Amino acid sequence: MAAIAEGAGRTPAQVLLRWCVQREIPVLAKSTHRERIAENAQIFDFALSDEDMATLDGLDLTGGTAVAQERKWW
């Protein structure tokens, strides 16, 4: 995670939020700090590579993103 964030010039939180956007997974980012709220919004001007997405997919403990999306809770 840290290596992907560093390579993208982003924070780990931004990388995870971007992963969710690219996987079309709804996410509600929460913060009470103005700086973090602004930082969380800055995820639409970059994209993660297929390799980075695959690496992050490997961290998924839900049984796989596709499985998690089949059993939507929203």
PDB file of N, CA and C in Angstrom:
ATOM      1  N   MET A   1       0.818  -1.178   0.000  1.00  0.00           N
ATOM      2  CA  MET A   1       0.000   0.000   0.000  1.00  0.00           C
ATOM      3  C   MET A   1       0.871   1.254   0.000  1.00  0.00           C
ATOM      4  N   ALA A   2       1.823   1.301   0.913  1.00  0.00           N
ATOM      5  CA  ALA A   2       2.687   2.478   1.015  1.00  0.00           C
ATOM      6  C   ALA A   2       3.489   2.686  -0.272  1.00  0.00           C
ATOM      7  N   ALA A   3       3.968   1.610  -0.864  1.00  0.00           N
ATOM      8  CA  ALA A   3       4.755   1.724  -2.093  1.00  0.00           C
ATOM      9  C   ALA A   3       3.898   2.248  -3.247  1.00  0.00           C
ATOM     10  N   ILE A   4       2.667   1.793  -3.338  1.00  0.00           N
ATOM     11  CA  ILE A   4       1.761   2.269  -4.390  1.00  0.00           C
ATOM     12  C   ILE A   4       1.467   3.752  -4.175  1.00  0.00           C
ATOM     13  N   ALA A   5       1.186   4.128  -2.936  1.00  0.00           N
ATOM     14  CA  ALA A   5       0.892   5.528  -2.629  1.00  0.00           C
ATOM     15  C   ALA A   5       2.094   6.413  -2.952  1.00  0.00           C
ATOM     16  N   GLU A   6       3.270   5.968  -2.543  1.00  0.00           N
ATOM     17  CA  GLU A   6       4.481   6.747  -2.801  1.00  0.00           C
ATOM     18  C   GLU A   6       4.728   6.883  -4.304  1.00  0.00           C
ATOM     19  N   GLY A   7       4.558   5.789  -5.025  1.00  0.00           N
ATOM     20  CA  GLY A   7       4.766   5.817  -6.473  1.00  0.00           C
ATOM     21  C   GLY A   7       3.783   6.721  -7.197  1.00  0.00           C
ATOM     22  N   ALA A   8       2.587   6.832  -6.652  1.00  0.00           N
ATOM     23  CA  ALA A   8       1.561   7.676  -7.266  1.00  0.00           C
ATOM     24  C   ALA A   8       1.629   9.118  -6.761  1.00  0.00           C
ATOM     25  N   GLY A   9       2.465   9.343  -5.753  1.00  0.00           N
ATOM     26  CA  GLY A   9       2.536  10.671  -5.170  1.00  0.00           C
ATOM     27  C   GLY A   9       1.272  11.035  -4.417  1.00  0.00           C
ATOM     28  N   ARG A  10       0.655  10.029  -3.819  1.00  0.00           N
ATOM     29  CA  ARG A  10      -0.612  10.208  -3.098  1.00  0.00           C
ATOM     30  C   ARG A  10      -0.506   9.621  -1.706  1.00  0.00           C
ATOM     31  N   THR A  11      -1.512   9.844  -0.903  1.00  0.00           N
ATOM     32  CA  THR A  11      -1.557   9.235   0.422  1.00  0.00           C
ATOM     33  C   THR A  11      -2.182   7.850   0.308  1.00  0.00           C
ATOM     34  N   PRO A  12      -1.935   6.982   1.287  1.00  0.00           N
ATOM     35  CA  PRO A  12      -2.594   5.678   1.272  1.00  0.00           C
ATOM     36  C   PRO A  12      -4.126   5.805   1.232  1.00  0.00           C
ATOM     37  N   ALA A  13      -4.658   6.777   1.947  1.00  0.00           N
ATOM     38  CA  ALA A  13      -6.117   6.971   1.934  1.00  0.00           C
ATOM     39  C   ALA A  13      -6.603   7.306   0.529  1.00  0.00           C
ATOM     40  N   GLN A  14      -5.889   8.176  -0.175  1.00  0.00           N
ATOM     41  CA  GLN A  14      -6.282   8.517  -1.540  1.00  0.00           C
ATOM     42  C   GLN A  14      -6.226   7.300  -2.457  1.00  0.00           C
ATOM     43  N   VAL A  15      -5.213   6.476  -2.275  1.00  0.00           N
ATOM     44  CA  VAL A  15      -5.087   5.274  -3.100  1.00  0.00           C
ATOM     45  C   VAL A  15      -6.252   4.323  -2.836  1.00  0.00           C
ATOM     46  N   LEU A  16      -6.603   4.129  -1.581  1.00  0.00           N
ATOM     47  CA  LEU A  16      -7.723   3.236  -1.274  1.00  0.00           C
ATOM     48  C   LEU A  16      -9.040   3.787  -1.786  1.00  0.00           C
ATOM     49  N   LEU A  17      -9.236   5.085  -1.657  1.00  0.00           N
ATOM     50  CA  LEU A  17     -10.460   5.690  -2.191  1.00  0.00           C
ATOM     51  C   LEU A  17     -10.504   5.543  -3.705  1.00  0.00           C
ATOM     52  N   ARG A  18      -9.367   5.742  -4.360  1.00  0.00           N
ATOM     53  CA  ARG A  18      -9.311   5.600  -5.817  1.00  0.00           C
ATOM     54  C   ARG A  18      -9.579   4.160  -6.234  1.00  0.00           C
ATOM     55  N   TRP A  19      -9.051   3.193  -5.464  1.00  0.00           N
ATOM     56  CA  TRP A  19      -9.308   1.782  -5.743  1.00  0.00           C
ATOM     57  C   TRP A  19     -10.819   1.530  -5.721  1.00  0.00           C
ATOM     58  N   CYS A  20     -11.484   2.077  -4.726  1.00  0.00           N
ATOM     59  CA  CYS A  20     -12.939   1.907  -4.633  1.00  0.00           C
ATOM     60  C   CYS A  20     -13.647   2.512  -5.845  1.00  0.00           C
ATOM     61  N   VAL A  21     -13.238   3.706  -6.241  1.00  0.00           N
ATOM     62  CA  VAL A  21     -13.853   4.360  -7.399  1.00  0.00           C
ATOM     63  C   VAL A  21     -13.666   3.513  -8.655  1.00  0.00           C
ATOM     64  N   GLN A  22     -12.452   3.022  -8.864  1.00  0.00           N
ATOM     65  CA  GLN A  22     -12.186   2.223 -10.062  1.00  0.00           C
ATOM     66  C   GLN A  22     -12.898   0.877 -10.024  1.00  0.00           C
ATOM     67  N   ARG A  23     -13.218   0.369  -8.861  1.00  0.00           N
ATOM     68  CA  ARG A  23     -13.954  -0.888  -8.730  1.00  0.00           C
ATOM     69  C   ARG A  23     -15.462  -0.652  -8.606  1.00  0.00           C
ATOM     70  N   GLU A  24     -15.866   0.621  -8.687  1.00  0.00           N
ATOM     71  CA  GLU A  24     -17.275   1.015  -8.581  1.00  0.00           C
ATOM     72  C   GLU A  24     -17.897   0.545  -7.267  1.00  0.00           C
ATOM     73  N   ILE A  25     -17.113   0.676  -6.202  1.00  0.00           N
ATOM     74  CA  ILE A  25     -17.566   0.313  -4.862  1.00  0.00           C
ATOM     75  C   ILE A  25     -17.889   1.602  -4.119  1.00  0.00           C
ATOM     76  N   PRO A  26     -19.119   1.741  -3.651  1.00  0.00           N
ATOM     77  CA  PRO A  26     -19.462   2.959  -2.910  1.00  0.00           C
ATOM     78  C   PRO A  26     -18.632   3.066  -1.633  1.00  0.00           C
ATOM     79  N   VAL A  27     -18.208   4.273  -1.341  1.00  0.00           N
ATOM     80  CA  VAL A  27     -17.424   4.510  -0.137  1.00  0.00           C
ATOM     81  C   VAL A  27     -17.777   5.891   0.400  1.00  0.00           C
ATOM     82  N   LEU A  28     -17.856   5.987   1.702  1.00  0.00           N
ATOM     83  CA  LEU A  28     -18.091   7.267   2.361  1.00  0.00           C
ATOM     84  C   LEU A  28     -16.864   7.591   3.199  1.00  0.00           C
ATOM     85  N   ALA A  29     -16.095   8.526   2.717  1.00  0.00           N
ATOM     86  CA  ALA A  29     -14.898   8.929   3.454  1.00  0.00           C
ATOM     87  C   ALA A  29     -15.322   9.883   4.565  1.00  0.00           C
ATOM     88  N   LYS A  30     -14.783   9.683   5.748  1.00  0.00           N
ATOM     89  CA  LYS A  30     -15.143  10.505   6.885  1.00  0.00           C
ATOM     90  C   LYS A  30     -13.901  11.144   7.479  1.00  0.00           C
ATOM     91  N   SER A  31     -14.039  12.412   7.776  1.00  0.00           N
ATOM     92  CA  SER A  31     -12.986  13.118   8.491  1.00  0.00           C
ATOM     93  C   SER A  31     -13.578  14.380   9.094  1.00  0.00           C
ATOM     94  N   THR A  32     -12.994  14.821  10.170  1.00  0.00           N
ATOM     95  CA  THR A  32     -13.407  16.077  10.771  1.00  0.00           C
ATOM     96  C   THR A  32     -12.368  17.164  10.512  1.00  0.00           C
ATOM     97  N   HIS A  33     -11.303  16.808   9.816  1.00  0.00           N
ATOM     98  CA  HIS A  33     -10.222  17.748   9.522  1.00  0.00           C
ATOM     99  C   HIS A  33     -10.357  18.281   8.097  1.00  0.00           C
ATOM    100  N   ARG A  34     -10.396  19.596   7.968  1.00  0.00           N
ATOM    101  CA  ARG A  34     -10.554  20.221   6.645  1.00  0.00           C
ATOM    102  C   ARG A  34      -9.513  19.725   5.646  1.00  0.00           C
ATOM    103  N   GLU A  35      -8.276  19.622   6.094  1.00  0.00           N
ATOM    104  CA  GLU A  35      -7.209  19.202   5.190  1.00  0.00           C
ATOM    105  C   GLU A  35      -7.454  17.799   4.647  1.00  0.00           C
ATOM    106  N   ARG A  36      -7.909  16.917   5.498  1.00  0.00           N
ATOM    107  CA  ARG A  36      -8.162  15.537   5.059  1.00  0.00           C
ATOM    108  C   ARG A  36      -9.384  15.458   4.154  1.00  0.00           C
ATOM    109  N   ILE A  37     -10.393  16.256   4.441  1.00  0.00           N
ATOM    110  CA  ILE A  37     -11.581  16.285   3.583  1.00  0.00           C
ATOM    111  C   ILE A  37     -11.173  16.727   2.181  1.00  0.00           C
ATOM    112  N   ALA A  38     -10.379  17.781   2.092  1.00  0.00           N
ATOM    113  CA  ALA A  38      -9.898  18.263   0.788  1.00  0.00           C
ATOM    114  C   ALA A  38      -9.023  17.211   0.117  1.00  0.00           C
ATOM    115  N   GLU A  39      -8.158  16.579   0.901  1.00  0.00           N
ATOM    116  CA  GLU A  39      -7.271  15.534   0.381  1.00  0.00           C
ATOM    117  C   GLU A  39      -8.087  14.360  -0.169  1.00  0.00           C
ATOM    118  N   ASN A  40      -9.115  13.953   0.552  1.00  0.00           N
ATOM    119  CA  ASN A  40      -9.959  12.837   0.115  1.00  0.00           C
ATOM    120  C   ASN A  40     -10.681  13.140  -1.190  1.00  0.00           C
ATOM    121  N   ALA A  41     -10.943  14.402  -1.451  1.00  0.00           N
ATOM    122  CA  ALA A  41     -11.637  14.776  -2.683  1.00  0.00           C
ATOM    123  C   ALA A  41     -10.701  14.784  -3.891  1.00  0.00           C
ATOM    124  N   GLN A  42      -9.412  14.743  -3.670  1.00  0.00           N
ATOM    125  CA  GLN A  42      -8.447  14.821  -4.764  1.00  0.00           C
ATOM    126  C   GLN A  42      -8.068  13.426  -5.277  1.00  0.00           C
ATOM    127  N   ILE A  43      -9.081  12.682  -5.700  1.00  0.00           N
ATOM    128  CA  ILE A  43      -8.826  11.320  -6.191  1.00  0.00           C
ATOM    129  C   ILE A  43      -9.301  11.126  -7.629  1.00  0.00           C
ATOM    130  N   PHE A  44      -9.760  12.202  -8.249  1.00  0.00           N
ATOM    131  CA  PHE A  44     -10.315  12.068  -9.589  1.00  0.00           C
ATOM    132  C   PHE A  44      -9.370  12.546 -10.689  1.00  0.00           C
ATOM    133  N   ASP A  45      -8.160  12.928 -10.308  1.00  0.00           N
ATOM    134  CA  ASP A  45      -7.206  13.403 -11.305  1.00  0.00           C
ATOM    135  C   ASP A  45      -6.060  12.416 -11.523  1.00  0.00           C
ATOM    136  N   PHE A  46      -6.269  11.166 -11.102  1.00  0.00           N
ATOM    137  CA  PHE A  46      -5.275  10.124 -11.366  1.00  0.00           C
ATOM    138  C   PHE A  46      -5.996   8.781 -11.410  1.00  0.00           C
ATOM    139  N   ALA A  47      -5.340   7.801 -11.964  1.00  0.00           N
ATOM    140  CA  ALA A  47      -5.877   6.444 -12.010  1.00  0.00           C
ATOM    141  C   ALA A  47      -4.778   5.474 -11.602  1.00  0.00           C
ATOM    142  N   LEU A  48      -5.190   4.407 -10.977  1.00  0.00           N
ATOM    143  CA  LEU A  48      -4.236   3.356 -10.606  1.00  0.00           C
ATOM    144  C   LEU A  48      -4.033   2.432 -11.794  1.00  0.00           C
ATOM    145  N   SER A  49      -2.820   1.967 -11.973  1.00  0.00           N
ATOM    146  CA  SER A  49      -2.513   1.052 -13.075  1.00  0.00           C
ATOM    147  C   SER A  49      -3.165  -0.307 -12.814  1.00  0.00           C
ATOM    148  N   ASP A  50      -3.259  -1.108 -13.861  1.00  0.00           N
ATOM    149  CA  ASP A  50      -3.795  -2.465 -13.707  1.00  0.00           C
ATOM    150  C   ASP A  50      -2.967  -3.255 -12.700  1.00  0.00           C
ATOM    151  N   GLU A  51      -1.656  -3.053 -12.739  1.00  0.00           N
ATOM    152  CA  GLU A  51      -0.767  -3.763 -11.808  1.00  0.00           C
ATOM    153  C   GLU A  51      -1.050  -3.340 -10.360  1.00  0.00           C
ATOM    154  N   ASP A  52      -1.198  -2.040 -10.144  1.00  0.00           N
ATOM    155  CA  ASP A  52      -1.504  -1.557  -8.798  1.00  0.00           C
ATOM    156  C   ASP A  52      -2.872  -2.061  -8.333  1.00  0.00           C
ATOM    157  N   MET A  53      -3.822  -2.061  -9.242  1.00  0.00           N
ATOM    158  CA  MET A  53      -5.164  -2.565  -8.889  1.00  0.00           C
ATOM    159  C   MET A  53      -5.089  -4.038  -8.490  1.00  0.00           C
ATOM    160  N   ALA A  54      -4.327  -4.818  -9.227  1.00  0.00           N
ATOM    161  CA  ALA A  54      -4.189  -6.240  -8.910  1.00  0.00           C
ATOM    162  C   ALA A  54      -3.515  -6.428  -7.554  1.00  0.00           C
ATOM    163  N   THR A  55      -2.506  -5.622  -7.275  1.00  0.00           N
ATOM    164  CA  THR A  55      -1.833  -5.703  -5.968  1.00  0.00           C
ATOM    165  C   THR A  55      -2.815  -5.399  -4.849  1.00  0.00           C
ATOM    166  N   LEU A  56      -3.602  -4.351  -5.013  1.00  0.00           N
ATOM    167  CA  LEU A  56      -4.584  -3.985  -3.994  1.00  0.00           C
ATOM    168  C   LEU A  56      -5.692  -5.039  -3.893  1.00  0.00           C
ATOM    169  N   ASP A  57      -6.091  -5.608  -5.023  1.00  0.00           N
ATOM    170  CA  ASP A  57      -7.086  -6.689  -4.991  1.00  0.00           C
ATOM    171  C   ASP A  57      -6.598  -7.839  -4.124  1.00  0.00           C
ATOM    172  N   GLY A  58      -5.297  -8.085  -4.164  1.00  0.00           N
ATOM    173  CA  GLY A  58      -4.720  -9.162  -3.374  1.00  0.00           C
ATOM    174  C   GLY A  58      -4.816  -8.926  -1.877  1.00  0.00           C
ATOM    175  N   LEU A  59      -5.049  -7.689  -1.471  1.00  0.00           N
ATOM    176  CA  LEU A  59      -5.218  -7.367  -0.054  1.00  0.00           C
ATOM    177  C   LEU A  59      -6.658  -7.534   0.416  1.00  0.00           C
ATOM    178  N   ASP A  60      -7.561  -7.744  -0.522  1.00  0.00           N
ATOM    179  CA  ASP A  60      -8.993  -7.845  -0.235  1.00  0.00           C
ATOM    180  C   ASP A  60      -9.292  -9.130   0.537  1.00  0.00           C
ATOM    181  N   LEU A  61      -9.832  -9.001   1.726  1.00  0.00           N
ATOM    182  CA  LEU A  61     -10.141 -10.156   2.571  1.00  0.00           C
ATOM    183  C   LEU A  61     -11.621 -10.509   2.574  1.00  0.00           C
ATOM    184  N   THR A  62     -12.381  -9.958   1.632  1.00  0.00           N
ATOM    185  CA  THR A  62     -13.828 -10.213   1.596  1.00  0.00           C
ATOM    186  C   THR A  62     -14.173 -11.477   0.817  1.00  0.00           C
ATOM    187  N   GLY A  63     -13.179 -12.150   0.297  1.00  0.00           N
ATOM    188  CA  GLY A  63     -13.451 -13.299  -0.561  1.00  0.00           C
ATOM    189  C   GLY A  63     -13.368 -12.896  -2.025  1.00  0.00           C
ATOM    190  N   GLY A  64     -12.974 -11.673  -2.277  1.00  0.00           N
ATOM    191  CA  GLY A  64     -12.849 -11.166  -3.637  1.00  0.00           C
ATOM    192  C   GLY A  64     -13.839 -10.051  -3.878  1.00  0.00           C
ATOM    193  N   THR A  65     -13.398  -9.029  -4.564  1.00  0.00           N
ATOM    194  CA  THR A  65     -14.267  -7.888  -4.830  1.00  0.00           C
ATOM    195  C   THR A  65     -15.521  -8.313  -5.563  1.00  0.00           C
ATOM    196  N   ALA A  66     -15.387  -9.208  -6.527  1.00  0.00           N
ATOM    197  CA  ALA A  66     -16.560  -9.648  -7.283  1.00  0.00           C
ATOM    198  C   ALA A  66     -17.571 -10.332  -6.368  1.00  0.00           C
ATOM    199  N   VAL A  67     -17.092 -11.157  -5.450  1.00  0.00           N
ATOM    200  CA  VAL A  67     -17.981 -11.832  -4.499  1.00  0.00           C
ATOM    201  C   VAL A  67     -18.658 -10.807  -3.598  1.00  0.00           C
ATOM    202  N   ALA A  68     -17.889  -9.835  -3.127  1.00  0.00           N
ATOM    203  CA  ALA A  68     -18.451  -8.797  -2.262  1.00  0.00           C
ATOM    204  C   ALA A  68     -19.514  -7.997  -3.011  1.00  0.00           C
ATOM    205  N   GLN A  69     -19.288  -7.725  -4.287  1.00  0.00           N
ATOM    206  CA  GLN A  69     -20.262  -6.970  -5.056  1.00  0.00           C
ATOM    207  C   GLN A  69     -21.521  -7.780  -5.326  1.00  0.00           C
ATOM    208  N   GLU A  70     -21.424  -9.100  -5.399  1.00  0.00           N
ATOM    209  CA  GLU A  70     -22.601  -9.933  -5.599  1.00  0.00           C
ATOM    210  C   GLU A  70     -23.538  -9.893  -4.393  1.00  0.00           C
ATOM    211  N   ARG A  71     -22.967  -9.727  -3.228  1.00  0.00           N
ATOM    212  CA  ARG A  71     -23.744  -9.680  -1.981  1.00  0.00           C
ATOM    213  C   ARG A  71     -23.787  -8.245  -1.470  1.00  0.00           C
ATOM    214  N   LYS A  72     -24.325  -7.385  -2.294  1.00  0.00           N
ATOM    215  CA  LYS A  72     -24.346  -5.967  -1.941  1.00  0.00           C
ATOM    216  C   LYS A  72     -25.175  -5.737  -0.681  1.00  0.00           C
ATOM    217  N   TRP A  73     -24.659  -4.900   0.169  1.00  0.00           N
ATOM    218  CA  TRP A  73     -25.386  -4.543   1.382  1.00  0.00           C
ATOM    219  C   TRP A  73     -26.048  -3.182   1.236  1.00  0.00           C
ATOM    220  N   TRP A  74     -25.717  -2.483   0.154  1.00  0.00           N
ATOM    221  CA  TRP A  74     -26.299  -1.162  -0.031  1.00  0.00           C
ATOM    222  C   TRP A  74     -27.503  -1.208  -0.925  1.00  0.00           C
TER     223      TRP A  74
END
